[in-house]
Amino acid sequence: MHPLRHPRNAAFVGIIFVVIAVIYWAVPYFGGPNWQDDYAGVTMLGVLGIAMAIMAYVLIAGSPSD
């Protein structure tokens, strides 16, 4: 049995990390002047989300569907 019905649903794996990156950016941005923005962390979480979505797609699309 295939782990996902459609391999394109693997994008949801990456969307989780992108949502975390938005939250990671928004909390210091709206938190006030004493909060420090960490743009490197936001960038890395965003890129990690893209990489995870691509890797999940590759692994699921290449798995046997029996």
Protein backbone atom coordinates (compact mmCIF):
# COMPACT_ATOMS: atom_id res chain seq x y z
CA MET A 1 0.00 0.00 0.00
CA HIS A 2 1.26 3.41 -0.94
CA PRO A 3 1.96 5.65 2.12
CA LEU A 4 0.17 8.58 0.46
CA ARG A 5 -2.52 8.39 -2.19
CA HIS A 6 -0.89 11.16 -4.22
CA PRO A 7 2.81 12.01 -4.03
CA ARG A 8 1.94 15.70 -4.39
CA ASN A 9 0.57 15.54 -0.85
CA ALA A 10 4.18 15.33 0.29
CA ALA A 11 4.21 19.14 0.06
CA PHE A 12 2.33 19.18 3.36
CA VAL A 13 5.49 17.85 5.04
CA GLY A 14 7.35 20.95 3.88
CA ILE A 15 4.49 23.33 4.64
CA ILE A 16 4.80 22.43 8.32
CA PHE A 17 8.34 23.82 8.40
CA VAL A 18 7.37 26.93 6.45
CA VAL A 19 4.56 27.64 8.94
CA ILE A 20 7.03 27.23 11.80
CA ALA A 21 9.37 29.69 10.02
CA VAL A 22 6.56 32.26 9.75
CA ILE A 23 5.79 31.89 13.44
CA TYR A 24 9.51 32.07 14.25
CA TRP A 25 9.65 35.37 12.34
CA ALA A 26 6.36 36.82 13.61
CA VAL A 27 6.89 36.39 17.35
CA PRO A 28 9.93 38.70 17.61
CA TYR A 29 8.60 41.06 14.93
CA PHE A 30 5.36 41.74 16.77
CA GLY A 31 6.82 41.15 20.25
CA GLY A 32 8.25 44.59 20.74
CA PRO A 33 11.54 46.47 20.56
CA ASN A 34 13.37 44.22 23.05
CA TRP A 35 13.02 41.12 20.87
CA GLN A 36 15.79 40.30 18.46
CA ASP A 37 14.93 39.12 14.94
CA ASP A 38 16.73 35.99 13.75
CA TYR A 39 16.55 36.12 9.98
CA ALA A 40 19.10 33.34 9.58
CA GLY A 41 16.87 30.97 11.52
CA VAL A 42 13.82 31.97 9.50
CA THR A 43 15.73 31.44 6.25
CA MET A 44 17.04 28.05 7.35
CA LEU A 45 13.57 26.86 8.42
CA GLY A 46 12.09 28.01 5.11
CA VAL A 47 14.78 26.24 3.08
CA LEU A 48 14.43 23.16 5.29
CA GLY A 49 10.71 23.12 4.48
CA ILE A 50 11.41 23.19 0.75
CA ALA A 51 14.04 20.46 1.07
CA MET A 52 11.78 18.26 3.20
CA ALA A 53 8.93 18.57 0.70
CA ILE A 54 11.18 17.62 -2.21
CA MET A 55 12.73 14.71 -0.32
CA ALA A 56 9.36 13.41 0.85
CA TYR A 57 8.11 13.56 -2.74
CA VAL A 58 11.15 11.69 -4.05
CA LEU A 59 10.90 8.98 -1.40
CA ILE A 60 7.16 8.49 -1.79
CA ALA A 61 7.16 8.64 -5.60
CA GLY A 62 9.97 6.08 -5.77
CA SER A 63 8.46 3.60 -3.32
CA PRO A 64 6.65 0.57 -4.71
CA SER A 65 2.88 0.84 -4.68
CA ASP A 66 2.02 -2.76 -3.77
